[in-house]
Each structure stands twice: as structure tokens, then as C-alpha cells.
């Protein structure tokens, strides 16, 4: 069995590379004992386990489809009842497997586990029900390529939030002390990736359960298809965790981290990167700059993105800048023409007419794909909006977006560009 703490130390300290540690590379459903009475099951989102005299405490339940293998792995380690299931936040890969944990308790004749989480989780669940179709669509765009590689990331074709994932029985607002048997757990709320996030301090083990505050990739603080993220408060939470002098750091994705100095260094690096993006973006907003100018001017020191726990393989700084703008400035981007714009198709037809036809736009986009892929995408998009039935324009659009997908590092950008290429392929009947 892999020694996860040694692997983590070797990666952070530069002795080995990062191939094994990205948020989507540790999905093996193996249980590793991290310390006495502490274990982790590696899944699409990990479950972190603590043994207590009163039963097991599980931080998160992974997603619905993988949860059976998660529970099987746990039962190879302990047959004790699940006393508490703590949601670190309400994302499906953390709460979707709750029903499996509940069924295990019922099948074994154990008492129903108590579910604990922040009070905003119930509002999230209500929003998921309200926007069920939209969430199914954006998850398919975001994770479609992952699913094709064989990982179980979906939650079914009809319902986004599983009906077997209930809201917490016990909720809190700012902080709460929880005691299970003789194990003290301090729950702390902080906004970061979500507005319902919990990070926990377990004094007995000098351990932090961090949820998605660290995912071994650049912070998911800019996701272009999801609701608001909170980079400044995220940074503050990282600094608050760094003050705990933890010896064990347990994230919900990637590897656990051991050692007070190493943990503090990682948390501080993430905080610094987010603080820089917030400071530089807000400074330019205060100076009256437009969003377009800010996005292309603010650049994070590449040294941060080379760190093994902050590589832009999932989210990326450019998206975080846009989320900072949205948080402080709303949706208006500073361009007056975009305040009450013409329909995209109307603008596209007018520009195509000026260019001598939609195919001129498409072919110019193809010619620019290597040297200016950003501009190339604008042109091929205009081409198919101006002439949506033009087969050749869709062929070019598919080529340009597929090329663009290959240039990107983040899963989010790859997912959206790949989805655009697939749209055009489907339009012309190319499977």
C-alpha cells in the first residue's frame, strides 16, 4: 500500500514529480491508515475517517456511484457504526454517497448516522432542485471528458442531487464544537469555493480536515459555469488554518500532508496567490479599468503555478479574476455596447456581411488557430452564428475548438472548448 504521507512529502519537497497527485488522479477506492484511528479512502472525493469510542466519524461520503466501493473499503478497516457524517460542503462528490452510508447502517442494524454541516447546505440543495437541468448540462460539459476516461462522476441522467442525500440534521452558522465519544472536533465556517464550506480542527490528532480548500490544483475560485466563489475569504481561511500548527492536513482531493512547517508553507502559498489576484483586480477596478483590460493585464507569478499543489489543471487564475469582478462589480463588464447588446446572431450576420460571408470568417479563424487561438475562436463562433446550417463552417469550428482544447491546462477550459467542438460535430452528423 502506498505511504500517502511519504508520497506527499516527496512531491512537495521536489524529490518526485506530480503525475500521481492531481485531483482526478487519486481515484482508486483504496483505504490508507494515515495515523492511529485516522484513515482516508481515495475516491472522486475522499472520505476521511476517525475512530471514536462512539463509532466512526466520516468527513464526506464521496459521490453516489463510487460510494459503494468507499463503504466497502471502510468496512475492511472497521465494522463500527457510523456515528456522524460531516459534510465539508454540499457539492455532489461530497454528499452524493450519503444514501449508501445510511443503507449500510440500516443493513447492519446500526442507529442512523447523524449528518452535520453548515446551515447553507439546505439552501444549496434547494437550488440544485430548482436548477436540476442546468446542473446536469454544466456537469456534462465540465466532466464529460473525465467520464469518457472511465471515472464514475455522474449522478444519473434525470436527477442531479440524489434523493438519498438529506440535508444535515445538525447545522451551525459560524463555528461549533462537536464531541463524538472522547473526540473533540471544532467546525469552522468560511466562504471559499462555496458559501457552505466547513474546515475542521481535531486537536487530539493535531489534524485539519479541509474539504476543498486545497485540492492539489489551483484553487477552484473561478469556475466559469458555477455560482459565486470567494477568493479573499478563501485566502483568510488558509491563513487561519496555518495558525493552528497542524501536524496532519487532510484535504478531500489529492494527498494528505504531514509536518507543521510543510503544511504552513502550502497554506501560505495558496493564500498569497489568491490575495494577489484580489488585490490587483480590485486596484484596477478602482482605477476604472474594464474587465477585458484587467483579465489581460493581471498575471500571477508563474512560480506559483509550478508548485505541485497549485498547477492550473482544474481551474486557473484568469477565471478567478472574472469571479472577483463578478463579486465586487456585478455582470456589467465596462463595455457600454455589452450593457444591452444586439442578439449574437444579428451581430454575427452583420460582421459576416462586411467580411464577404460567413466562410471568410471561418477560414480566417482556421488560419489564426496556431498563432492567435483566442481570436480564432471568436471568428469561427461568429461564422456559425451568422450561418448556423453551414456544414463547412461547423467543420472548421470543430477543428479550431478541438485545437484550442489541446492548448489548455485546466479541466474547465478543456471541457467547454471540447463541448463546443462536439456541438459542431453533432450538427453535421459526425460522431
Protein backbone atom coordinates (compact mmCIF):
# COMPACT_ATOMS: atom_id res chain seq x y z
CA UNK A 1 0.00 0.00 0.00
CA UNK A 2 1.26 3.46 -0.88
CA UNK A 3 2.51 5.54 2.04
CA UNK A 4 0.50 8.65 1.26
CA UNK A 5 2.31 10.93 3.69
CA UNK A 6 5.71 9.96 2.28
CA UNK A 7 4.46 10.39 -1.29
CA UNK A 8 3.06 13.79 -0.39
CA UNK A 9 6.30 14.91 1.25
CA UNK A 10 8.36 13.69 -1.69
CA UNK A 11 6.21 15.65 -4.15
CA UNK A 12 6.09 18.88 -2.13
CA UNK A 13 9.79 18.73 -1.35
CA UNK A 14 10.63 18.17 -5.03
CA UNK A 15 12.00 14.64 -4.89
CA UNK A 16 9.45 13.26 -7.37
CA UNK A 17 7.03 14.70 -9.95
CA UNK A 18 3.32 15.41 -9.75
CA UNK A 19 1.82 12.78 -12.06
CA UNK A 20 0.06 10.89 -9.27
CA UNK A 21 -1.38 13.70 -7.21
CA UNK A 22 -3.86 15.76 -9.23
CA UNK A 23 -7.47 15.88 -8.00
CA UNK A 24 -8.54 13.32 -10.62
CA UNK A 25 -5.54 11.01 -10.27
CA UNK A 26 -6.23 9.52 -6.84
CA UNK A 27 -9.47 7.66 -7.61
CA UNK A 28 -8.60 4.13 -6.59
CA UNK A 29 -11.02 3.45 -3.68
CA UNK A 30 -8.13 2.30 -1.50
CA UNK A 31 -8.16 2.93 2.22
CA UNK A 32 -4.92 4.09 3.82
CA UNK A 33 -4.42 4.46 7.55
CA UNK A 34 -2.88 7.89 7.93
CA UNK A 35 -2.35 7.76 11.71
CA UNK A 36 -3.69 5.79 14.65
CA UNK A 37 -7.50 5.77 14.28
CA UNK A 38 -7.35 8.01 11.19
CA UNK A 39 -7.89 6.77 7.63
CA UNK A 40 -8.59 8.07 4.13
CA UNK A 41 -10.42 6.39 1.26
CA UNK A 42 -9.24 7.84 -2.04
CA UNK A 43 -12.20 8.42 -4.37
CA UNK A 44 -13.57 11.13 -6.64
CA UNK A 45 -13.82 12.97 -3.35
CA UNK A 46 -12.11 11.27 -0.42
CA UNK A 47 -13.80 10.14 2.75
CA UNK A 48 -11.75 10.91 5.88
CA UNK A 49 -12.42 8.59 8.83
CA UNK A 50 -11.84 8.87 12.57
CA UNK A 51 -12.41 6.03 15.03
CA UNK A 52 -14.01 7.02 18.33
CA UNK A 53 -15.50 5.17 21.29
CA UNK A 54 -18.96 6.08 19.98
CA UNK A 55 -18.37 4.98 16.41
CA UNK A 56 -16.89 6.29 13.18
CA UNK A 57 -16.85 9.89 12.05
CA UNK A 58 -16.70 10.31 8.29
CA UNK A 59 -15.89 13.60 6.64
CA UNK A 60 -17.78 13.37 3.32
CA UNK A 61 -19.35 10.38 1.58
CA UNK A 62 -17.94 10.75 -1.95
CA UNK A 63 -20.28 10.67 -4.94
CA UNK A 64 -23.24 8.37 -5.44
CA UNK A 65 -21.76 5.92 -7.92
CA UNK A 66 -18.46 5.44 -6.12
CA UNK A 67 -19.88 5.33 -2.60
CA UNK A 68 -20.41 1.57 -2.51
CA UNK A 69 -16.70 0.98 -3.06
CA UNK A 70 -15.91 3.65 -0.46
CA UNK A 71 -18.06 1.94 2.19
CA UNK A 72 -16.58 -1.46 1.29
CA UNK A 73 -13.10 -0.03 1.82
CA UNK A 74 -14.12 1.44 5.17
CA UNK A 75 -15.59 -1.89 6.28
CA UNK A 76 -12.25 -3.57 5.58
CA UNK A 77 -10.85 -1.25 8.26
CA UNK A 78 -13.65 -1.09 10.82
CA UNK A 79 -17.08 -2.63 11.38
CA UNK A 80 -18.04 0.05 13.92
CA UNK A 81 -21.25 2.04 13.37
CA UNK A 82 -21.11 5.36 11.55
CA UNK A 83 -21.85 7.85 14.30
CA UNK A 84 -21.53 11.12 12.33
CA UNK A 85 -21.30 12.05 8.66
CA UNK A 86 -19.88 15.55 8.32
CA UNK A 87 -20.44 17.34 5.04
CA UNK A 88 -17.49 19.63 4.37
CA UNK A 89 -19.78 21.34 1.84
CA UNK A 90 -22.72 20.48 -0.38
CA UNK A 91 -21.06 19.53 -3.69
CA UNK A 92 -22.29 16.22 -5.07
CA UNK A 93 -18.93 14.48 -4.93
CA UNK A 94 -19.01 15.07 -1.16
CA UNK A 95 -22.67 14.40 -0.27
CA UNK A 96 -23.89 12.16 -3.12
CA UNK A 97 -22.89 8.92 -1.41
CA UNK A 98 -24.75 9.61 1.82
CA UNK A 99 -27.52 7.16 0.99
CA UNK A 100 -25.03 4.30 0.76
CA UNK A 101 -23.67 5.08 4.23
CA UNK A 102 -27.26 5.18 5.52
CA UNK A 103 -28.12 1.83 3.91
CA UNK A 104 -25.01 0.28 5.41
CA UNK A 105 -26.17 1.37 8.86
CA UNK A 106 -29.67 0.01 8.24
CA UNK A 107 -28.40 -3.30 6.87
CA UNK A 108 -26.16 -3.78 9.92
CA UNK A 109 -28.87 -2.83 12.41
CA UNK A 110 -26.89 0.24 13.47
CA UNK A 111 -28.50 3.53 14.51
CA UNK A 112 -29.00 6.10 11.77
CA UNK A 113 -25.85 8.24 11.48
CA UNK A 114 -26.18 11.90 12.38
CA UNK A 115 -25.48 14.27 9.49
CA UNK A 116 -23.67 17.52 10.32
CA UNK A 117 -22.94 20.52 8.12
CA UNK A 118 -23.22 24.27 7.63
CA UNK A 119 -26.68 25.80 7.55
CA UNK A 120 -26.28 26.99 3.94
CA UNK A 121 -26.22 23.41 2.65
CA UNK A 122 -30.02 23.23 2.77
CA UNK A 123 -30.21 26.32 0.55
CA UNK A 124 -27.77 24.72 -1.89
CA UNK A 125 -29.86 21.57 -2.08
CA UNK A 126 -32.97 23.65 -2.77
CA UNK A 127 -31.12 25.47 -5.58
CA UNK A 128 -29.98 22.16 -7.06
CA UNK A 129 -33.60 21.04 -7.26
CA UNK A 130 -34.64 24.34 -8.84
CA UNK A 131 -31.87 24.21 -11.48
CA UNK A 132 -31.70 20.45 -11.99
CA UNK A 133 -31.49 20.51 -15.79
CA UNK A 134 -28.91 23.27 -15.88
CA UNK A 135 -26.67 21.47 -13.41
CA UNK A 136 -26.87 18.24 -15.39
CA UNK A 137 -25.82 20.15 -18.52
CA UNK A 138 -22.88 22.01 -16.98
CA UNK A 139 -21.59 18.92 -15.19
CA UNK A 140 -21.60 17.09 -18.51
CA UNK A 141 -19.54 19.90 -20.06
CA UNK A 142 -17.17 20.14 -17.12
CA UNK A 143 -16.58 16.43 -16.55
CA UNK A 144 -17.58 14.81 -19.84
CA UNK A 145 -14.01 14.03 -20.86
CA UNK A 146 -13.33 12.59 -17.41
CA UNK A 147 -16.35 10.31 -17.67
CA UNK A 148 -15.12 9.05 -21.04
CA UNK A 149 -11.87 8.04 -19.35
CA UNK A 150 -13.87 5.68 -17.15
CA UNK A 151 -14.35 7.54 -13.86
CA UNK A 152 -17.79 7.44 -12.26
CA UNK A 153 -18.64 11.11 -11.88
CA UNK A 154 -22.31 11.28 -12.85
CA UNK A 155 -25.31 11.02 -10.58
CA UNK A 156 -27.81 9.64 -13.08
CA UNK A 157 -29.49 11.09 -16.13
CA UNK A 158 -32.58 12.64 -14.55
CA UNK A 159 -31.75 13.95 -11.08
CA UNK A 160 -28.65 15.98 -10.24
CA UNK A 161 -28.89 15.76 -6.43
CA UNK A 162 -29.61 12.18 -5.31
CA UNK A 163 -32.84 11.85 -3.39
CA UNK A 164 -30.90 9.79 -0.84
CA UNK A 165 -28.71 12.77 0.17
CA UNK A 166 -30.58 14.52 3.01
CA UNK A 167 -29.92 17.94 4.45
CA UNK A 168 -27.90 17.95 7.70
CA UNK A 169 -29.61 17.03 10.95
CA UNK A 170 -27.29 19.34 12.89
CA UNK A 171 -26.28 22.72 11.45
CA UNK A 172 -24.28 25.70 12.62
CA UNK A 173 -23.54 29.23 11.42
CA UNK A 174 -20.03 30.41 12.34
CA UNK A 175 -18.42 27.70 14.45
CA UNK A 176 -19.42 24.69 16.52
CA UNK A 177 -17.74 22.30 18.93
CA UNK A 178 -18.71 18.69 18.29
CA UNK A 179 -17.85 15.78 20.57
CA UNK A 180 -18.13 12.18 19.40
CA UNK A 181 -17.12 9.80 22.17
CA UNK A 182 -13.96 11.41 23.52
CA UNK A 183 -13.01 13.01 20.20
CA UNK A 184 -13.37 16.78 20.06
CA UNK A 185 -13.99 18.34 16.64
CA UNK A 186 -14.05 22.07 16.05
CA UNK A 187 -16.11 23.02 13.00
CA UNK A 188 -15.36 26.35 11.35
CA UNK A 189 -17.29 28.02 8.56
CA UNK A 190 -15.51 30.01 5.86
CA UNK A 191 -16.58 31.03 2.39
CA UNK A 192 -14.22 29.93 -0.33
CA UNK A 193 -15.16 27.56 -3.13
CA UNK A 194 -18.68 27.64 -1.67
CA UNK A 195 -20.71 29.62 0.86
CA UNK A 196 -21.40 26.46 2.93
CA UNK A 197 -17.85 25.26 3.50
CA UNK A 198 -16.55 23.73 6.74
CA UNK A 199 -12.97 23.16 7.75
CA UNK A 200 -12.37 21.29 10.99
CA UNK A 201 -9.67 21.16 13.65
CA UNK A 202 -9.26 17.88 15.53
CA UNK A 203 -6.95 18.69 18.50
CA UNK A 204 -6.25 15.08 19.54
CA UNK A 205 -4.61 14.36 16.19
CA UNK A 206 -3.39 17.92 15.53
CA UNK A 207 -5.26 17.47 12.26
CA UNK A 208 -7.23 19.67 9.88
CA UNK A 209 -9.95 18.28 7.63
CA UNK A 210 -10.04 20.89 4.89
CA UNK A 211 -12.65 19.79 2.36
CA UNK A 212 -11.94 21.57 -0.92
CA UNK A 213 -9.90 24.45 0.47
CA UNK A 214 -6.96 22.50 -1.01
CA UNK A 215 -7.43 20.16 -3.99
CA UNK A 216 -3.83 19.73 -5.20
CA UNK A 217 -4.57 22.03 -8.12
CA UNK A 218 -5.06 25.77 -8.46
CA UNK A 219 -7.97 26.83 -6.19
CA UNK A 220 -11.41 26.33 -7.69
CA UNK A 221 -12.17 30.01 -7.18
CA UNK A 222 -13.14 30.97 -10.72
CA UNK A 223 -15.29 28.18 -12.16
CA UNK A 224 -16.97 29.84 -15.18
CA UNK A 225 -20.15 27.75 -15.02
CA UNK A 226 -20.88 27.72 -11.31
CA UNK A 227 -22.14 30.15 -8.68
CA UNK A 228 -20.01 32.76 -6.92
CA UNK A 229 -16.67 31.90 -5.32
CA UNK A 230 -14.95 33.98 -2.61
CA UNK A 231 -11.17 34.28 -3.16
CA UNK A 232 -10.42 36.83 -0.42
CA UNK A 233 -12.25 34.86 2.25
CA UNK A 234 -10.66 31.68 0.92
CA UNK A 235 -7.23 33.19 1.49
CA UNK A 236 -8.24 34.25 5.01
CA UNK A 237 -9.34 30.69 5.77
CA UNK A 238 -5.98 29.33 4.62
CA UNK A 239 -4.20 31.74 6.94
CA UNK A 240 -6.49 30.76 9.82
CA UNK A 241 -5.65 27.10 9.24
CA UNK A 242 -1.95 27.92 9.05
CA UNK A 243 -2.14 29.36 12.58
CA UNK A 244 -3.27 26.02 14.00
CA UNK A 245 0.23 24.48 13.80
CA UNK A 246 -1.29 21.27 12.45
CA UNK A 247 0.82 18.15 12.05
CA UNK A 248 -1.66 16.49 9.71
CA UNK A 249 -3.60 18.14 6.87
CA UNK A 250 -6.39 16.10 5.27
CA UNK A 251 -7.88 17.51 2.05
CA UNK A 252 -10.81 15.99 0.16
CA UNK A 253 -8.77 15.66 -3.06
CA UNK A 254 -5.14 14.78 -3.61
CA UNK A 255 -2.78 13.72 -0.85
CA UNK A 256 -2.66 14.25 2.92
CA UNK A 257 0.22 16.41 4.14
CA UNK A 258 2.34 15.87 7.24
CA UNK A 259 4.60 18.24 9.15
CA UNK A 260 3.89 21.61 10.67
CA UNK A 261 6.32 23.61 8.53
CA UNK A 262 5.31 21.91 5.28
CA UNK A 263 1.58 22.42 5.96
CA UNK A 264 2.05 26.07 6.87
CA UNK A 265 4.10 26.68 3.73
CA UNK A 266 1.47 25.14 1.45
CA UNK A 267 -1.40 27.07 3.04
CA UNK A 268 0.53 30.33 2.92
CA UNK A 269 1.42 29.90 -0.76
CA UNK A 270 -2.24 29.38 -1.70
CA UNK A 271 -3.29 32.38 0.39
CA UNK A 272 -0.65 34.60 -1.24
CA UNK A 273 -1.73 33.66 -4.76
CA UNK A 274 -5.39 34.41 -4.09
CA UNK A 275 -4.59 37.64 -2.24
CA UNK A 276 -2.50 38.85 -5.19
CA UNK A 277 -5.33 38.24 -7.66
CA UNK A 278 -7.84 40.02 -5.43
CA UNK A 279 -5.55 42.99 -4.75
CA UNK A 280 -4.52 43.52 -8.36
CA UNK A 281 -8.03 43.09 -9.74
CA UNK A 282 -9.72 45.39 -7.24
CA UNK A 283 -6.99 48.02 -7.65
CA UNK A 284 -7.73 48.16 -11.37
CA UNK A 285 -11.48 48.20 -10.79
CA UNK A 286 -10.98 51.21 -8.52
CA UNK A 287 -8.99 52.88 -11.32
CA UNK A 288 -11.94 52.47 -13.70
CA UNK A 289 -10.48 49.78 -15.94
CA UNK A 290 -12.76 47.45 -17.88
CA UNK A 291 -12.92 43.73 -17.22
CA UNK A 292 -11.35 42.97 -20.61
CA UNK A 293 -8.33 45.09 -19.74
CA UNK A 294 -7.95 43.56 -16.28
CA UNK A 295 -8.18 39.96 -17.49
CA UNK A 296 -5.37 40.51 -19.98
CA UNK A 297 -3.18 42.58 -17.66
CA UNK A 298 -3.19 40.82 -14.27
CA UNK A 299 -0.74 37.93 -14.32
CA UNK A 300 0.12 35.72 -11.37
CA UNK A 301 3.81 34.90 -10.91
CA UNK A 302 4.26 31.61 -12.83
CA UNK A 303 6.29 30.25 -9.94
CA UNK A 304 3.05 29.71 -8.01
CA UNK A 305 1.57 27.68 -10.87
CA UNK A 306 4.63 25.42 -10.90
CA UNK A 307 4.08 24.30 -7.32
CA UNK A 308 2.76 20.71 -7.26
CA UNK A 309 -0.32 21.67 -5.25
CA UNK A 310 -1.24 24.72 -7.38
CA UNK A 311 -0.90 23.71 -11.02
CA UNK A 312 -3.79 25.02 -13.18
CA UNK A 313 -5.14 21.60 -14.10
CA UNK A 314 -8.71 22.23 -12.89
CA UNK A 315 -9.30 25.98 -12.50
CA UNK A 316 -6.97 28.83 -13.44
CA UNK A 317 -6.13 32.42 -12.44
CA UNK A 318 -7.86 34.06 -15.43
CA UNK A 319 -11.18 32.60 -14.33
CA UNK A 320 -10.58 33.74 -10.74
CA UNK A 321 -10.11 37.33 -11.96
CA UNK A 322 -13.52 37.17 -13.63
CA UNK A 323 -15.09 35.86 -10.43
CA UNK A 324 -13.52 38.67 -8.41
CA UNK A 325 -15.04 41.15 -10.86
CA UNK A 326 -18.44 39.47 -10.55
CA UNK A 327 -18.25 39.54 -6.75
CA UNK A 328 -17.37 43.22 -6.46
CA UNK A 329 -18.69 44.65 -9.71
CA UNK A 330 -21.64 42.63 -10.99
CA UNK A 331 -22.08 41.37 -14.53
CA UNK A 332 -21.53 44.62 -16.46
CA UNK A 333 -18.03 44.39 -17.91
CA UNK A 334 -17.44 48.10 -18.59
CA UNK A 335 -18.20 47.92 -22.31
CA UNK A 336 -21.32 50.08 -22.97
CA UNK A 337 -22.23 48.05 -26.07
CA UNK A 338 -22.49 44.97 -23.86
CA UNK A 339 -24.99 46.55 -21.46
CA UNK A 340 -27.99 45.97 -23.76
CA UNK A 341 -26.40 44.13 -26.69
CA UNK A 342 -27.80 43.03 -30.01
CA UNK A 343 -28.53 39.35 -30.43
CA UNK A 344 -25.34 37.43 -31.10
CA UNK A 345 -26.75 36.10 -34.35
CA UNK A 346 -27.66 39.60 -35.58
CA UNK A 347 -24.15 40.91 -34.86
CA UNK A 348 -22.62 37.84 -36.49
CA UNK A 349 -24.66 38.27 -39.67
CA UNK A 350 -23.69 41.94 -39.93
CA UNK A 351 -20.00 41.18 -39.49
CA UNK A 352 -20.20 38.28 -41.92
CA UNK A 353 -21.76 40.62 -44.49
CA UNK A 354 -18.93 43.11 -44.00
CA UNK A 355 -16.37 40.30 -44.29
CA UNK A 356 -17.87 38.95 -47.51
CA UNK A 357 -19.63 35.95 -45.97
CA UNK A 358 -19.57 33.57 -43.03
CA UNK A 359 -16.98 31.34 -44.68
CA UNK A 360 -14.50 34.19 -44.80
CA UNK A 361 -14.80 34.47 -41.04
CA UNK A 362 -14.48 30.71 -40.57
CA UNK A 363 -11.47 30.34 -42.84
CA UNK A 364 -9.73 33.33 -41.25
CA UNK A 365 -10.34 31.72 -37.87
CA UNK A 366 -8.75 28.49 -39.07
CA UNK A 367 -5.76 30.41 -40.41
CA UNK A 368 -5.29 32.08 -36.99
CA UNK A 369 -5.73 28.93 -34.90
CA UNK A 370 -2.00 28.38 -34.43
CA UNK A 371 -0.88 31.98 -33.91
CA UNK A 372 -3.88 33.55 -32.13
CA UNK A 373 -6.28 30.87 -30.87
CA UNK A 374 -8.29 33.35 -28.81
CA UNK A 375 -9.12 35.44 -31.86
CA UNK A 376 -9.65 32.31 -33.96
CA UNK A 377 -12.41 31.13 -31.61
CA UNK A 378 -14.22 34.47 -31.91
CA UNK A 379 -14.19 34.25 -35.70
CA UNK A 380 -15.42 30.67 -36.04
CA UNK A 381 -18.13 31.36 -33.47
CA UNK A 382 -19.32 34.37 -35.47
CA UNK A 383 -19.29 32.25 -38.63
CA UNK A 384 -21.69 29.58 -37.35
CA UNK A 385 -23.91 32.17 -35.66
CA UNK A 386 -24.19 34.03 -38.96
CA UNK A 387 -24.87 30.84 -40.93
CA UNK A 388 -25.86 28.08 -38.48
CA UNK A 389 -26.60 25.49 -41.20
CA UNK A 390 -23.25 25.89 -42.97
CA UNK A 391 -21.64 22.47 -42.79
CA UNK A 392 -18.16 23.63 -43.75
CA UNK A 393 -18.25 26.41 -41.14
CA UNK A 394 -19.10 23.81 -38.50
CA UNK A 395 -16.27 21.57 -39.67
CA UNK A 396 -13.84 24.46 -39.21
CA UNK A 397 -15.37 25.40 -35.86
CA UNK A 398 -14.90 21.84 -34.61
CA UNK A 399 -11.25 21.86 -35.72
CA UNK A 400 -10.49 25.21 -34.11
CA UNK A 401 -12.12 24.40 -30.77
CA UNK A 402 -10.55 20.94 -30.66
CA UNK A 403 -7.17 22.57 -31.28
CA UNK A 404 -7.88 25.12 -28.56
CA UNK A 405 -8.84 22.36 -26.14
CA UNK A 406 -5.44 20.78 -26.65
CA UNK A 407 -3.69 24.01 -25.72
CA UNK A 408 -5.43 24.39 -22.37
CA UNK A 409 -4.29 23.13 -18.99
CA UNK A 410 -7.47 23.43 -16.90
CA UNK A 411 -10.22 20.83 -17.00
CA UNK A 412 -12.80 23.62 -17.09
CA UNK A 413 -11.41 25.21 -20.24
CA UNK A 414 -10.87 21.82 -21.87
CA UNK A 415 -14.45 20.83 -21.07
CA UNK A 416 -16.04 23.93 -22.56
CA UNK A 417 -13.89 24.02 -25.70
CA UNK A 418 -14.30 20.28 -26.23
CA UNK A 419 -18.05 20.60 -25.80
CA UNK A 420 -18.12 23.34 -28.45
CA UNK A 421 -16.23 21.11 -30.88
CA UNK A 422 -18.68 18.28 -30.20
CA UNK A 423 -21.65 20.59 -30.83
CA UNK A 424 -20.43 21.27 -34.34
CA UNK A 425 -19.62 17.60 -34.96
CA UNK A 426 -23.14 16.65 -33.92
CA UNK A 427 -24.59 19.42 -36.08
CA UNK A 428 -23.06 17.88 -39.19
CA UNK A 429 -23.66 14.28 -38.11
CA UNK A 430 -20.04 13.48 -37.34
CA UNK A 431 -20.00 11.18 -34.33
